[in-house]
Amino acid sequence: MVTYYVLFFIDLASRKVHVAGLTPHPHQEWMKQIARNVTMADWGFLSGARFLIHDRDGKFCPAFRRLLDSGGVRSLVLPARSPNLNAFAERWVRSAKEECLAKLILFGEGSLRRALDDYVAHYHHERNHQGKGNAVLAPRPEDRIGETTGPINRRKRLGGLLNFYCRRAG
């Protein structure tokens, strides 16, 4: 058995999730590389962000926070024992576990990565979000959500574990 650590970021306004990386050993060099990746101008997930809220985990080392600061992102550490202040992240972890990961037997990093990639795509493009008025965050143009006529198609992910039903354009 190997424990993998998944580092993800959530844009609180849009609820968009970005899985920045996963590793069995989240050491300082790995965290620094993630910080460089997510703060890169023009394409990093945190490019243009002003703040990053995170818990007090020691993995968010001073070098990680310095790299964020140099990328223009101010690191805000949450107070101890305050899970409600990080509710969006806590909810995403719970949803990913309950809807996906707890129902799979994963054989290494590759299967975990595939499961998370499929879940994130489902989360963004197919899953409705109660906190956003039961809307899909980023519906695909070809998915006619809310239409009442035409054939219904099913999109399966992870062998049918995750399903999405909609009417197709055309």
N, C-alpha and C. Protein backbone atom coordinates (compact mmCIF):
# COMPACT_ATOMS: atom_id res chain seq x y z
N MET A 1 0.85 -1.18 0.00
CA MET A 1 0.00 0.00 0.00
C MET A 1 0.89 1.24 0.00
N VAL A 2 0.53 2.18 -0.84
CA VAL A 2 1.25 3.44 -0.94
C VAL A 2 0.25 4.57 -0.77
N THR A 3 0.57 5.53 0.05
CA THR A 3 -0.25 6.72 0.20
C THR A 3 0.23 7.78 -0.77
N TYR A 4 -0.70 8.33 -1.55
CA TYR A 4 -0.37 9.43 -2.47
C TYR A 4 -0.98 10.71 -1.93
N TYR A 5 -0.24 11.77 -2.06
CA TYR A 5 -0.70 13.10 -1.67
C TYR A 5 -1.08 13.84 -2.94
N VAL A 6 -2.26 14.43 -2.95
CA VAL A 6 -2.76 15.15 -4.11
C VAL A 6 -2.82 16.62 -3.73
N LEU A 7 -2.14 17.45 -4.51
CA LEU A 7 -2.17 18.89 -4.29
C LEU A 7 -3.09 19.49 -5.34
N PHE A 8 -4.15 20.16 -4.89
CA PHE A 8 -5.10 20.76 -5.81
C PHE A 8 -5.40 22.18 -5.38
N PHE A 9 -5.90 22.95 -6.31
CA PHE A 9 -6.28 24.34 -6.06
C PHE A 9 -7.70 24.54 -6.55
N ILE A 10 -8.45 25.41 -5.86
CA ILE A 10 -9.83 25.73 -6.25
C ILE A 10 -9.95 27.24 -6.38
N ASP A 11 -10.51 27.69 -7.48
CA ASP A 11 -10.89 29.09 -7.63
C ASP A 11 -12.24 29.22 -6.95
N LEU A 12 -12.31 29.97 -5.87
CA LEU A 12 -13.54 30.02 -5.08
C LEU A 12 -14.71 30.63 -5.84
N ALA A 13 -14.47 31.59 -6.70
CA ALA A 13 -15.56 32.24 -7.43
C ALA A 13 -16.18 31.29 -8.45
N SER A 14 -15.35 30.62 -9.23
CA SER A 14 -15.88 29.77 -10.30
C SER A 14 -16.02 28.31 -9.88
N ARG A 15 -15.42 27.90 -8.78
CA ARG A 15 -15.35 26.53 -8.28
C ARG A 15 -14.49 25.64 -9.18
N LYS A 16 -13.74 26.22 -10.09
CA LYS A 16 -12.87 25.44 -10.96
C LYS A 16 -11.75 24.82 -10.12
N VAL A 17 -11.48 23.54 -10.37
CA VAL A 17 -10.48 22.78 -9.63
C VAL A 17 -9.31 22.47 -10.56
N HIS A 18 -8.11 22.56 -10.02
CA HIS A 18 -6.91 22.20 -10.76
C HIS A 18 -6.08 21.27 -9.90
N VAL A 19 -5.88 20.05 -10.39
CA VAL A 19 -5.00 19.10 -9.70
C VAL A 19 -3.58 19.42 -10.16
N ALA A 20 -2.79 19.97 -9.25
CA ALA A 20 -1.45 20.42 -9.61
C ALA A 20 -0.44 19.28 -9.63
N GLY A 21 -0.68 18.25 -8.86
CA GLY A 21 0.25 17.13 -8.85
C GLY A 21 -0.11 16.12 -7.79
N LEU A 22 0.49 14.95 -7.92
CA LEU A 22 0.34 13.93 -6.90
C LEU A 22 1.66 13.19 -6.78
N THR A 23 1.95 12.79 -5.56
CA THR A 23 3.23 12.15 -5.27
C THR A 23 3.12 11.36 -3.97
N PRO A 24 3.91 10.31 -3.83
CA PRO A 24 3.95 9.62 -2.53
C PRO A 24 4.87 10.34 -1.53
N HIS A 25 5.70 11.25 -2.03
CA HIS A 25 6.66 11.95 -1.16
C HIS A 25 6.65 13.45 -1.47
N PRO A 26 5.79 14.22 -0.81
CA PRO A 26 5.70 15.66 -1.10
C PRO A 26 6.80 16.46 -0.39
N HIS A 27 8.00 16.34 -0.87
CA HIS A 27 9.13 17.04 -0.25
C HIS A 27 9.22 18.48 -0.77
N GLN A 28 10.13 19.24 -0.20
CA GLN A 28 10.26 20.66 -0.48
C GLN A 28 10.50 20.94 -1.97
N GLU A 29 11.35 20.19 -2.63
CA GLU A 29 11.64 20.43 -4.05
C GLU A 29 10.41 20.24 -4.91
N TRP A 30 9.60 19.23 -4.60
CA TRP A 30 8.36 19.00 -5.35
C TRP A 30 7.40 20.17 -5.14
N MET A 31 7.26 20.62 -3.91
CA MET A 31 6.37 21.75 -3.61
C MET A 31 6.84 23.02 -4.31
N LYS A 32 8.15 23.24 -4.35
CA LYS A 32 8.68 24.42 -5.04
C LYS A 32 8.38 24.35 -6.54
N GLN A 33 8.51 23.17 -7.14
CA GLN A 33 8.21 23.04 -8.56
C GLN A 33 6.73 23.29 -8.84
N ILE A 34 5.87 22.81 -7.98
CA ILE A 34 4.43 23.07 -8.12
C ILE A 34 4.17 24.56 -8.04
N ALA A 35 4.79 25.24 -7.08
CA ALA A 35 4.61 26.70 -6.94
C ALA A 35 5.05 27.42 -8.20
N ARG A 36 6.17 27.01 -8.77
CA ARG A 36 6.62 27.63 -10.03
C ARG A 36 5.61 27.39 -11.15
N ASN A 37 5.10 26.17 -11.24
CA ASN A 37 4.15 25.83 -12.31
C ASN A 37 2.86 26.63 -12.21
N VAL A 38 2.29 26.72 -11.02
CA VAL A 38 0.97 27.35 -10.90
C VAL A 38 1.03 28.87 -10.94
N THR A 39 2.21 29.47 -10.76
CA THR A 39 2.31 30.93 -10.81
C THR A 39 2.91 31.45 -12.12
N MET A 40 3.17 30.55 -13.07
CA MET A 40 3.74 31.00 -14.34
C MET A 40 2.79 31.97 -15.03
N ALA A 41 3.34 33.04 -15.56
CA ALA A 41 2.55 34.05 -16.26
C ALA A 41 1.83 33.42 -17.45
N ASP A 42 0.63 33.88 -17.68
CA ASP A 42 -0.20 33.52 -18.84
C ASP A 42 -0.87 32.15 -18.75
N TRP A 43 -0.28 31.14 -18.12
CA TRP A 43 -0.94 29.84 -18.13
C TRP A 43 -0.98 29.13 -16.79
N GLY A 44 -0.32 29.60 -15.78
CA GLY A 44 -0.39 28.97 -14.46
C GLY A 44 -1.76 29.16 -13.85
N PHE A 45 -2.25 28.16 -13.13
CA PHE A 45 -3.60 28.23 -12.56
C PHE A 45 -3.76 29.44 -11.64
N LEU A 46 -2.72 29.82 -10.93
CA LEU A 46 -2.80 30.96 -10.01
C LEU A 46 -2.36 32.27 -10.67
N SER A 47 -2.06 32.24 -11.95
CA SER A 47 -1.68 33.47 -12.65
C SER A 47 -2.85 34.46 -12.57
N GLY A 48 -2.60 35.61 -12.03
CA GLY A 48 -3.64 36.62 -11.86
C GLY A 48 -4.37 36.53 -10.53
N ALA A 49 -4.14 35.47 -9.76
CA ALA A 49 -4.76 35.34 -8.44
C ALA A 49 -4.01 36.23 -7.45
N ARG A 50 -4.73 36.72 -6.46
CA ARG A 50 -4.09 37.56 -5.45
C ARG A 50 -3.76 36.80 -4.17
N PHE A 51 -4.57 35.79 -3.85
CA PHE A 51 -4.41 35.09 -2.58
C PHE A 51 -4.51 33.59 -2.77
N LEU A 52 -3.80 32.87 -1.91
CA LEU A 52 -3.94 31.42 -1.79
C LEU A 52 -4.20 31.14 -0.32
N ILE A 53 -5.34 30.53 -0.05
CA ILE A 53 -5.69 30.14 1.32
C ILE A 53 -5.34 28.67 1.48
N HIS A 54 -4.60 28.34 2.52
CA HIS A 54 -4.24 26.94 2.75
C HIS A 54 -4.15 26.67 4.24
N ASP A 55 -4.16 25.39 4.58
CA ASP A 55 -4.09 25.01 5.99
C ASP A 55 -2.65 25.10 6.50
N ARG A 56 -2.44 24.64 7.71
CA ARG A 56 -1.14 24.79 8.37
C ARG A 56 -0.20 23.61 8.14
N ASP A 57 -0.51 22.77 7.20
CA ASP A 57 0.31 21.59 6.93
C ASP A 57 1.75 22.01 6.65
N GLY A 58 2.69 21.28 7.21
CA GLY A 58 4.11 21.57 7.04
C GLY A 58 4.59 21.44 5.60
N LYS A 59 3.80 20.78 4.75
CA LYS A 59 4.19 20.65 3.35
C LYS A 59 4.19 22.00 2.64
N PHE A 60 3.40 22.95 3.14
CA PHE A 60 3.42 24.31 2.59
C PHE A 60 4.61 25.05 3.23
N CYS A 61 5.78 24.64 2.82
CA CYS A 61 7.04 25.09 3.42
C CYS A 61 7.31 26.57 3.09
N PRO A 62 8.21 27.21 3.82
CA PRO A 62 8.55 28.61 3.55
C PRO A 62 9.01 28.86 2.11
N ALA A 63 9.74 27.92 1.53
CA ALA A 63 10.20 28.08 0.14
C ALA A 63 9.01 28.10 -0.82
N PHE A 64 8.00 27.28 -0.57
CA PHE A 64 6.78 27.27 -1.37
C PHE A 64 6.08 28.62 -1.29
N ARG A 65 5.94 29.13 -0.07
CA ARG A 65 5.26 30.42 0.13
C ARG A 65 6.05 31.57 -0.49
N ARG A 66 7.39 31.51 -0.42
CA ARG A 66 8.22 32.55 -1.05
C ARG A 66 8.04 32.57 -2.56
N LEU A 67 7.99 31.39 -3.16
CA LEU A 67 7.78 31.32 -4.61
C LEU A 67 6.41 31.85 -5.00
N LEU A 68 5.41 31.57 -4.18
CA LEU A 68 4.08 32.14 -4.44
C LEU A 68 4.14 33.66 -4.37
N ASP A 69 4.79 34.18 -3.32
CA ASP A 69 4.92 35.63 -3.16
C ASP A 69 5.63 36.26 -4.36
N SER A 70 6.69 35.61 -4.84
CA SER A 70 7.41 36.15 -5.99
C SER A 70 6.55 36.11 -7.26
N GLY A 71 5.54 35.23 -7.29
CA GLY A 71 4.62 35.16 -8.42
C GLY A 71 3.42 36.07 -8.24
N GLY A 72 3.41 36.87 -7.17
CA GLY A 72 2.32 37.82 -6.94
C GLY A 72 1.13 37.24 -6.20
N VAL A 73 1.28 36.07 -5.61
CA VAL A 73 0.18 35.43 -4.88
C VAL A 73 0.52 35.43 -3.40
N ARG A 74 -0.31 36.08 -2.61
CA ARG A 74 -0.08 36.15 -1.17
C ARG A 74 -0.65 34.91 -0.50
N SER A 75 0.16 34.24 0.29
CA SER A 75 -0.22 33.01 0.98
C SER A 75 -0.87 33.35 2.32
N LEU A 76 -2.11 32.88 2.52
CA LEU A 76 -2.82 33.11 3.77
C LEU A 76 -3.01 31.77 4.48
N VAL A 77 -2.43 31.65 5.65
CA VAL A 77 -2.50 30.41 6.42
C VAL A 77 -3.73 30.47 7.32
N LEU A 78 -4.53 29.43 7.28
CA LEU A 78 -5.74 29.36 8.11
C LEU A 78 -5.37 29.12 9.57
N PRO A 79 -6.21 29.57 10.48
CA PRO A 79 -5.97 29.28 11.90
C PRO A 79 -6.05 27.78 12.16
N ALA A 80 -5.43 27.36 13.23
CA ALA A 80 -5.45 25.94 13.61
C ALA A 80 -6.88 25.47 13.90
N ARG A 81 -7.16 24.23 13.53
CA ARG A 81 -8.45 23.58 13.80
C ARG A 81 -9.64 24.42 13.32
N SER A 82 -9.60 24.82 12.05
CA SER A 82 -10.70 25.63 11.50
C SER A 82 -11.13 25.08 10.13
N PRO A 83 -11.66 23.85 10.09
CA PRO A 83 -12.03 23.27 8.80
C PRO A 83 -13.13 24.03 8.07
N ASN A 84 -13.99 24.75 8.80
CA ASN A 84 -15.07 25.49 8.15
C ASN A 84 -14.55 26.65 7.32
N LEU A 85 -13.35 27.14 7.60
CA LEU A 85 -12.79 28.24 6.82
C LEU A 85 -12.24 27.73 5.48
N ASN A 86 -12.14 26.43 5.35
CA ASN A 86 -11.63 25.83 4.13
C ASN A 86 -12.70 24.90 3.54
N ALA A 87 -13.96 25.33 3.64
CA ALA A 87 -15.10 24.48 3.33
C ALA A 87 -15.13 24.01 1.88
N PHE A 88 -14.75 24.86 0.93
CA PHE A 88 -14.80 24.46 -0.48
C PHE A 88 -13.81 23.34 -0.76
N ALA A 89 -12.62 23.43 -0.21
CA ALA A 89 -11.62 22.37 -0.40
C ALA A 89 -12.07 21.09 0.31
N GLU A 90 -12.59 21.22 1.52
CA GLU A 90 -13.05 20.05 2.26
C GLU A 90 -14.18 19.35 1.50
N ARG A 91 -15.08 20.13 0.92
CA ARG A 91 -16.20 19.56 0.19
C ARG A 91 -15.73 18.87 -1.10
N TRP A 92 -14.75 19.47 -1.79
CA TRP A 92 -14.25 18.84 -3.01
C TRP A 92 -13.60 17.49 -2.69
N VAL A 93 -12.82 17.44 -1.63
CA VAL A 93 -12.19 16.19 -1.22
C VAL A 93 -13.25 15.15 -0.91
N ARG A 94 -14.27 15.54 -0.17
CA ARG A 94 -15.33 14.61 0.18
C ARG A 94 -16.06 14.11 -1.06
N SER A 95 -16.38 15.02 -1.99
CA SER A 95 -17.07 14.62 -3.22
C SER A 95 -16.21 13.69 -4.05
N ALA A 96 -14.95 14.00 -4.21
CA ALA A 96 -14.05 13.15 -5.01
C ALA A 96 -13.94 11.76 -4.39
N LYS A 97 -13.86 11.69 -3.08
CA LYS A 97 -13.76 10.39 -2.42
C LYS A 97 -15.07 9.61 -2.55
N GLU A 98 -16.20 10.24 -2.22
CA GLU A 98 -17.48 9.53 -2.20
C GLU A 98 -17.97 9.16 -3.60
N GLU A 99 -17.81 10.05 -4.56
CA GLU A 99 -18.35 9.81 -5.89
C GLU A 99 -17.42 8.99 -6.78
N CYS A 100 -16.15 8.93 -6.42
CA CYS A 100 -15.19 8.31 -7.32
C CYS A 100 -14.19 7.39 -6.61
N LEU A 101 -13.29 7.96 -5.86
CA LEU A 101 -12.13 7.21 -5.37
C LEU A 101 -12.48 6.05 -4.45
N ALA A 102 -13.50 6.18 -3.61
CA ALA A 102 -13.86 5.12 -2.68
C ALA A 102 -14.48 3.92 -3.39
N LYS A 103 -14.85 4.09 -4.65
CA LYS A 103 -15.49 3.01 -5.40
C LYS A 103 -14.53 2.31 -6.36
N LEU A 104 -13.27 2.66 -6.30
CA LEU A 104 -12.28 2.11 -7.22
C LEU A 104 -11.17 1.41 -6.46
N ILE A 105 -10.57 0.44 -7.11
CA ILE A 105 -9.33 -0.16 -6.63
C ILE A 105 -8.25 0.39 -7.55
N LEU A 106 -7.35 1.16 -6.99
CA LEU A 106 -6.34 1.86 -7.79
C LEU A 106 -5.02 1.10 -7.73
N PHE A 107 -4.40 0.96 -8.89
CA PHE A 107 -3.14 0.25 -9.00
C PHE A 107 -2.04 1.22 -9.37
N GLY A 108 -1.65 2.05 -8.45
CA GLY A 108 -0.53 2.94 -8.68
C GLY A 108 -0.92 4.34 -9.11
N GLU A 109 0.12 5.11 -9.37
CA GLU A 109 -0.04 6.52 -9.68
C GLU A 109 -0.83 6.75 -10.98
N GLY A 110 -0.59 5.93 -11.98
CA GLY A 110 -1.28 6.11 -13.26
C GLY A 110 -2.78 5.98 -13.14
N SER A 111 -3.25 4.97 -12.41
CA SER A 111 -4.70 4.80 -12.26
C SER A 111 -5.30 5.90 -11.38
N LEU A 112 -4.57 6.35 -10.39
CA LEU A 112 -5.05 7.47 -9.57
C LEU A 112 -5.14 8.74 -10.41
N ARG A 113 -4.12 8.99 -11.22
CA ARG A 113 -4.12 10.18 -12.08
C ARG A 113 -5.30 10.15 -13.07
N ARG A 114 -5.53 8.98 -13.68
CA ARG A 114 -6.64 8.87 -14.63
C ARG A 114 -7.98 9.09 -13.94
N ALA A 115 -8.15 8.49 -12.77
CA ALA A 115 -9.41 8.66 -12.03
C ALA A 115 -9.62 10.12 -11.67
N LEU A 116 -8.58 10.80 -11.20
CA LEU A 116 -8.73 12.22 -10.83
C LEU A 116 -8.98 13.08 -12.06
N ASP A 117 -8.29 12.81 -13.17
CA ASP A 117 -8.52 13.58 -14.40
C ASP A 117 -9.95 13.42 -14.88
N ASP A 118 -10.47 12.19 -14.86
CA ASP A 118 -11.85 11.97 -15.29
C ASP A 118 -12.83 12.62 -14.31
N TYR A 119 -12.53 12.53 -13.01
CA TYR A 119 -13.44 13.14 -12.04
C TYR A 119 -13.46 14.67 -12.19
N VAL A 120 -12.30 15.28 -12.39
CA VAL A 120 -12.25 16.74 -12.55
C VAL A 120 -13.00 17.16 -13.81
N ALA A 121 -12.85 16.42 -14.90
CA ALA A 121 -13.60 16.73 -16.12
C ALA A 121 -15.11 16.60 -15.86
N HIS A 122 -15.51 15.55 -15.18
CA HIS A 122 -16.92 15.37 -14.81
C HIS A 122 -17.38 16.52 -13.91
N TYR A 123 -16.58 16.88 -12.95
CA TYR A 123 -16.91 17.96 -12.00
C TYR A 123 -17.13 19.28 -12.73
N HIS A 124 -16.30 19.58 -13.71
CA HIS A 124 -16.39 20.86 -14.44
C HIS A 124 -17.50 20.86 -15.49
N HIS A 125 -17.64 19.79 -16.26
CA HIS A 125 -18.47 19.83 -17.46
C HIS A 125 -19.78 19.06 -17.37
N GLU A 126 -19.97 18.25 -16.33
CA GLU A 126 -21.16 17.39 -16.31
C GLU A 126 -21.92 17.39 -14.98
N ARG A 127 -21.27 17.65 -13.92
CA ARG A 127 -21.90 17.55 -12.59
C ARG A 127 -22.54 18.88 -12.22
N ASN A 128 -23.80 18.80 -11.78
CA ASN A 128 -24.44 20.05 -11.33
C ASN A 128 -23.99 20.37 -9.91
N HIS A 129 -23.98 21.66 -9.59
CA HIS A 129 -23.44 22.13 -8.31
C HIS A 129 -24.52 22.89 -7.55
N GLN A 130 -24.88 22.35 -6.41
CA GLN A 130 -25.94 22.93 -5.61
C GLN A 130 -25.63 24.37 -5.21
N GLY A 131 -24.40 24.65 -4.88
CA GLY A 131 -24.00 25.99 -4.47
C GLY A 131 -24.02 27.00 -5.60
N LYS A 132 -24.14 26.54 -6.83
CA LYS A 132 -24.21 27.41 -8.00
C LYS A 132 -25.58 27.30 -8.67
N GLY A 133 -26.63 27.08 -7.89
CA GLY A 133 -27.98 27.00 -8.42
C GLY A 133 -28.23 25.75 -9.25
N ASN A 134 -27.59 24.65 -8.89
CA ASN A 134 -27.69 23.37 -9.61
C ASN A 134 -27.28 23.47 -11.07
N ALA A 135 -26.40 24.39 -11.37
CA ALA A 135 -25.90 24.56 -12.74
C ALA A 135 -24.61 23.77 -12.92
N VAL A 136 -24.33 23.44 -14.17
CA VAL A 136 -23.06 22.83 -14.52
C VAL A 136 -22.06 23.98 -14.65
N LEU A 137 -20.86 23.82 -14.09
CA LEU A 137 -19.89 24.92 -14.06
C LEU A 137 -19.48 25.39 -15.45
N ALA A 138 -19.13 24.46 -16.31
CA ALA A 138 -18.65 24.81 -17.65
C ALA A 138 -19.24 23.82 -18.66
N PRO A 139 -20.53 23.96 -18.99
CA PRO A 139 -21.13 23.00 -19.91
C PRO A 139 -20.49 23.07 -21.29
N ARG A 140 -20.38 21.93 -21.94
CA ARG A 140 -19.84 21.89 -23.30
C ARG A 140 -20.91 22.42 -24.26
N PRO A 141 -20.51 23.13 -25.30
CA PRO A 141 -21.49 23.67 -26.25
C PRO A 141 -22.37 22.60 -26.90
N GLU A 142 -21.81 21.42 -27.11
CA GLU A 142 -22.59 20.37 -27.77
C GLU A 142 -23.62 19.72 -26.85
N ASP A 143 -23.54 19.97 -25.54
CA ASP A 143 -24.51 19.41 -24.60
C ASP A 143 -25.65 20.41 -24.43
N ARG A 144 -26.82 20.02 -24.86
CA ARG A 144 -27.98 20.91 -24.76
C ARG A 144 -28.67 20.68 -23.43
N ILE A 145 -28.13 21.28 -22.41
CA ILE A 145 -28.66 21.12 -21.06
C ILE A 145 -29.95 21.92 -20.95
N GLY A 146 -31.01 21.29 -20.44
CA GLY A 146 -32.28 21.96 -20.27
C GLY A 146 -33.23 21.78 -21.45
N GLU A 147 -32.76 21.23 -22.56
CA GLU A 147 -33.62 20.96 -23.71
C GLU A 147 -34.61 19.85 -23.36
N THR A 148 -35.78 19.88 -23.98
CA THR A 148 -36.80 18.88 -23.66
C THR A 148 -37.14 17.97 -24.83
N THR A 149 -36.52 18.20 -26.00
CA THR A 149 -36.79 17.34 -27.14
C THR A 149 -35.48 16.83 -27.72
N GLY A 150 -35.58 15.71 -28.40
CA GLY A 150 -34.40 15.11 -29.03
C GLY A 150 -33.93 13.90 -28.26
N PRO A 151 -33.07 13.11 -28.89
CA PRO A 151 -32.59 11.90 -28.22
C PRO A 151 -31.66 12.21 -27.05
N ILE A 152 -31.75 11.38 -26.04
CA ILE A 152 -30.90 11.54 -24.86
C ILE A 152 -29.67 10.66 -25.03
N ASN A 153 -28.53 11.23 -24.79
CA ASN A 153 -27.27 10.49 -24.86
C ASN A 153 -26.65 10.40 -23.48
N ARG A 154 -25.89 9.35 -23.28
CA ARG A 154 -25.21 9.11 -22.01
C ARG A 154 -23.71 9.19 -22.24
N ARG A 155 -23.03 9.94 -21.39
CA ARG A 155 -21.57 9.99 -21.41
C ARG A 155 -21.09 9.26 -20.16
N LYS A 156 -20.28 8.22 -20.37
CA LYS A 156 -19.75 7.42 -19.27
C LYS A 156 -18.30 7.80 -19.03
N ARG A 157 -17.93 7.81 -17.78
CA ARG A 157 -16.54 7.98 -17.38
C ARG A 157 -16.22 6.87 -16.39
N LEU A 158 -14.98 6.43 -16.41
CA LEU A 158 -14.50 5.40 -15.50
C LEU A 158 -15.38 4.16 -15.55
N GLY A 159 -15.67 3.72 -16.76
CA GLY A 159 -16.43 2.48 -16.95
C GLY A 159 -17.87 2.56 -16.50
N GLY A 160 -18.45 3.74 -16.46
CA GLY A 160 -19.84 3.90 -16.05
C GLY A 160 -20.01 4.30 -14.60
N LEU A 161 -18.92 4.49 -13.87
CA LEU A 161 -19.02 4.95 -12.49
C LEU A 161 -19.60 6.36 -12.44
N LEU A 162 -19.15 7.21 -13.37
CA LEU A 162 -19.67 8.57 -13.48
C LEU A 162 -20.46 8.66 -14.79
N ASN A 163 -21.69 9.12 -14.72
CA ASN A 163 -22.54 9.21 -15.89
C ASN A 163 -23.10 10.61 -16.03
N PHE A 164 -23.33 11.00 -17.29
CA PHE A 164 -23.93 12.30 -17.59
C PHE A 164 -24.92 12.09 -18.72
N TYR A 165 -26.13 12.56 -18.53
CA TYR A 165 -27.17 12.41 -19.53
C TYR A 165 -27.56 13.79 -20.05
N CYS A 166 -27.61 13.93 -21.37
CA CYS A 166 -28.02 15.20 -21.96
C CYS A 166 -28.51 14.94 -23.37
N ARG A 167 -29.08 15.97 -23.95
CA ARG A 167 -29.48 15.92 -25.35
C ARG A 167 -28.33 16.50 -26.16
N ARG A 168 -28.03 15.86 -27.26
CA ARG A 168 -26.93 16.28 -28.11
C ARG A 168 -27.42 17.22 -29.19
N ALA A 169 -26.61 18.22 -29.49
CA ALA A 169 -26.92 19.14 -30.58
C ALA A 169 -26.83 18.39 -31.90
N GLY A 170 -27.71 18.74 -32.81
CA GLY A 170 -27.65 18.18 -34.17
C GLY A 170 -28.25 16.89 -34.30
